Structure formats: C-alpha cells, structure tokens
Amino acid sequence: MASENVQHRPLRISRRDEMLEPEEVDRMIDLHRLGWGIKRIARELGVAKNTVKRYVAAGGWVPYQAVKRAGKLKGLEQWMRHCFEQHRGNCDVVRQELARAHGIAVSLRTVERACQPWRSELTARARATVRFETPPGRQMQIDFGQATVEIGGQKVQVHLFVATLGYSRLNYVAAFRHQRQSAWFAGMEGAFAHFGGVPQQVLIDNAKPLVVSHDVKTREVVFNERFSAFARHWGFTPKACAPYRARTKGKDESGVGYVKNNALAGHRFDSWEAMQAHLARWLREVADVRIHGTTKEAPRTRFERDERGMLAPLAGRPPYQQAREWVRVVSSESCVEVDTNRYSVPWRLIGETLRVRMEGTQVVISYGRKEVARHDRLAGRHARAIDAKHFEGLVGRLWRCGVGLAPDEVACPDDTGFLAGGQGIATSVLIRPLAEYEALVGGGF
C-alpha cells in the first residue's frame, strides 16, 4: 500500500494537547490524508486519540482554549466594584469584606485580578480636579506648608501659613514655629487684617486643630469647639474639604508651593524677624503684582477692583483671644453667671444651655444662633444685671432685686425691693411648674 512507503520520523514525546505545535498538527493531517487511521496516527505521534480526532475534524491547528469555570466571585461584580471604590482601591480590605459579608475565602491575588479593570478608573478619578471659580468675597482658602530655612546660620523648620482669596488669588503669608491651633487662629486674623475684611467662607483641610471628625460617607463635619467659636466671632462659615480630596482646595495648595519655591528658595536670613520682613516685601513686590496664570490679571488689581468691597468689614472687632466665650445653663432665677456676676435672660429659657460671649464692655448671650440678651459688663463681683422685660408674663412678687445692677437695666418698681406684677419677676423657686406658666402666657420662648 502507498501508506507503507511514506517516509517519516516518529515523534515519541508525550505531551498535553495544548502543547502541540502547528508543525506537528500539519504532519498529523498529512498522515490522515495518506490514509492512516486515528489509532495509528496517535500511536505514531505519541498523543491521545481524541487529540487526533479534534485536529482532524478541525482540518488543522487551532489554538488551545482553556475550560472556563465559574469562579467564586461570579455574580458579585457590582458589589465588589462598590466595595473597591468605597475602600479607595484597598484590595485586602475587599478580601476581608468578602469573607465577612459573603463567607467567601479567596486569596489577595484573586481579588486583585478581579478588581484590576477598575483600578485605572479609580486612579483617574482621584487625580481629576474640577476647577470652580468663586464670586468676590465668597471664600478664602487656608493651609500650612513646611520648609527648611537657614536662619542665623542654622537650619530651621518653618511652618508657613498661606491664605488665598478664591476670586482675586491675593495671598497672605505668615511664618510660625508650629502648627498648633493658636497658629491657625493667628494666621487667619493676620489674613483678615491684611485683606481689610472677612470673607463669607473659610475653606480648610481636615487639620486636627480645627476638625474633630469628618465622615467620608455622609460628609458630616464636626468642627473643633474653639474653632467654631472663632468662626462665630469673626462671622464666617467654616468649610472642610472632602477627606482625602485636598485638591478641592487647589488654589491654596498651589499657593503653598509658590511661596516655598519662589519666596524662600535659596534664601538665608540673619534672624526670624528678617525672614518675616522678607515675606512681607515679597508679597507686595512679587506675589501681588504678578500676572496670574488662570485669571490673566495681577491679584492686587483684581482684588482692589472687584473684591475688597465685598469683604465684611472688621468693624473694630478685637482679636479672638481677647473675646472670651462660655457655655452656661440658665439657673432657676433666669440668670447665667459669669465671673461671679449674674445676667438675666428670658425666663422661658430656664434650664436651657446658652452661649455667653464677652465683647468688650458688652455681655452677649445667645440661644443657638439667636441673640437673646445683651447687658453692660458688670465691673464688680456678685452683682446682678436684670432686664425686667425678661420676666414679662410671670405673676407674683418673689425675688428681691440684687445690688450693683447695671445702669438703665432695672429699677425696683416699689419700695419693697421686689420685682412685681406685669413688670416680671425672677425667682429661685417657681410657685407653679414652668409648663403652667407657659400655658398661661401662650407657649414657649
């Protein structure tokens, strides 16, 4: 037979189907065309009969296709993507959540392979910055940066406070030896004095001296109590960047880099005062008059033309450190106590927690955001400042007027020394429950 005259070199290397080379498959097809049977070809080439059948049926070499098996993560794609983005690409946390929420134990490498398609998108999203412009007077951005500066022949770590007005890009810079809360407050007050007014908002990063907590999911911010009081004193609204998204404060972030690389780079100073004088001169002669890359105008020109008049005036307000603030509970006498002196408030606020501020010669008392009482500051001790209007609606003669009252605030209406009748009363013990008095005069405060 013709098949017996075929010259060939037998292949005796046994191998898996997926390892067959195209040349071997071609020889297999040639032998089949010469009339060789499936078993003989398989025996001659050292492969399985099914392998020969598959390639003969295909008429030539075809690439190996691995059998696809349903993995443990099948059907969890959407959940995994949400979890991956929620934990900012931390695959090990995703692996832990898989075990906790779904009882699925897989290797970290398995999770990394499953999440790979979403990583580039997460990276791009983190780098993306949408620039937004604020109207004049709306916002000031603040931040600290660090630089090593040679002062008096020694390398000194300098903490640079940088404030930038969002509209004009006008800067203010101050140098500190630390970044404690007092430095933040001094920096902001210096910026207000430098700009000649206070913006509506101050945008900050989540610095610990200013922010107690910032929930990533709900965006609920808890500001430090003293910082909140500082904001109320100056009349601005504090805002915090989204956690891990300091780029939303990009105008000031770039401002910090500008100060470090332009104002201080390569400079040496004989003293700390010499460095501060240099920064002030640099602001006037360089930063304020340069043409800004985004606005195409000098910040000083843009500020004087559009923004100065939109800032809230300072109105002679003293520095925050000189304006003290307390939290007080209203006593049953309808008074709050400050420095042993007592100041009256509307009687319906008995038992409520109020905020008391000392503003110069005035004692200002607020309930939430509403001012409820204002008295002249008492100079002595253990005196009372009583406003008769605070007791309107109560009936009876129960409490003797105190001594040392502030002028024009109260005068005892009769010779008995008691507040009485429609002028109101203050009492250490009400003769009826407070709810009955409220019902009598028409509701709460």
Foldseek 3Di string as FASTA:
>chain_A
DVLVVDDDDFAQDADDLQPDDQVLLVVLLVSVVVPDDLVVSCVRHVYDSVSSVVSNVVVGDDHDDDDDDDDPCPPCLVVLLVVCVVVLNPLVVSQVCCCVVPVDHDDSVVSCVSCVVCNVVSVVVLPDDDDDADFFLAEKEKDWDWDFAAEQNDTAIWIKIWIAGRHLRQIDIDIDNDDALVVVLVRVVVVCVVLQFAGQEYEYECDVNFWVDADLVVRDTDTDPVNVVQCVLRNHHYHYDRPSRCCNSVSVVVVNVCCRCPQGPPDHYHHPVRSRVSSVVCSVPPQQADQDPPVRGRSVVCCVVGHSVNGHGSVPFDRPVVKDKDKFAQAQLQWTDDQQETEHFQNLRHRPIWMWIDGPQKIWIGDVPHTTDIDGHQPDHNAYAAALVSFAQDADWADAHTPRYGPPRDDCPDPVRTNHDRSGHGHNDDPDDPVVSQVRRPHGD
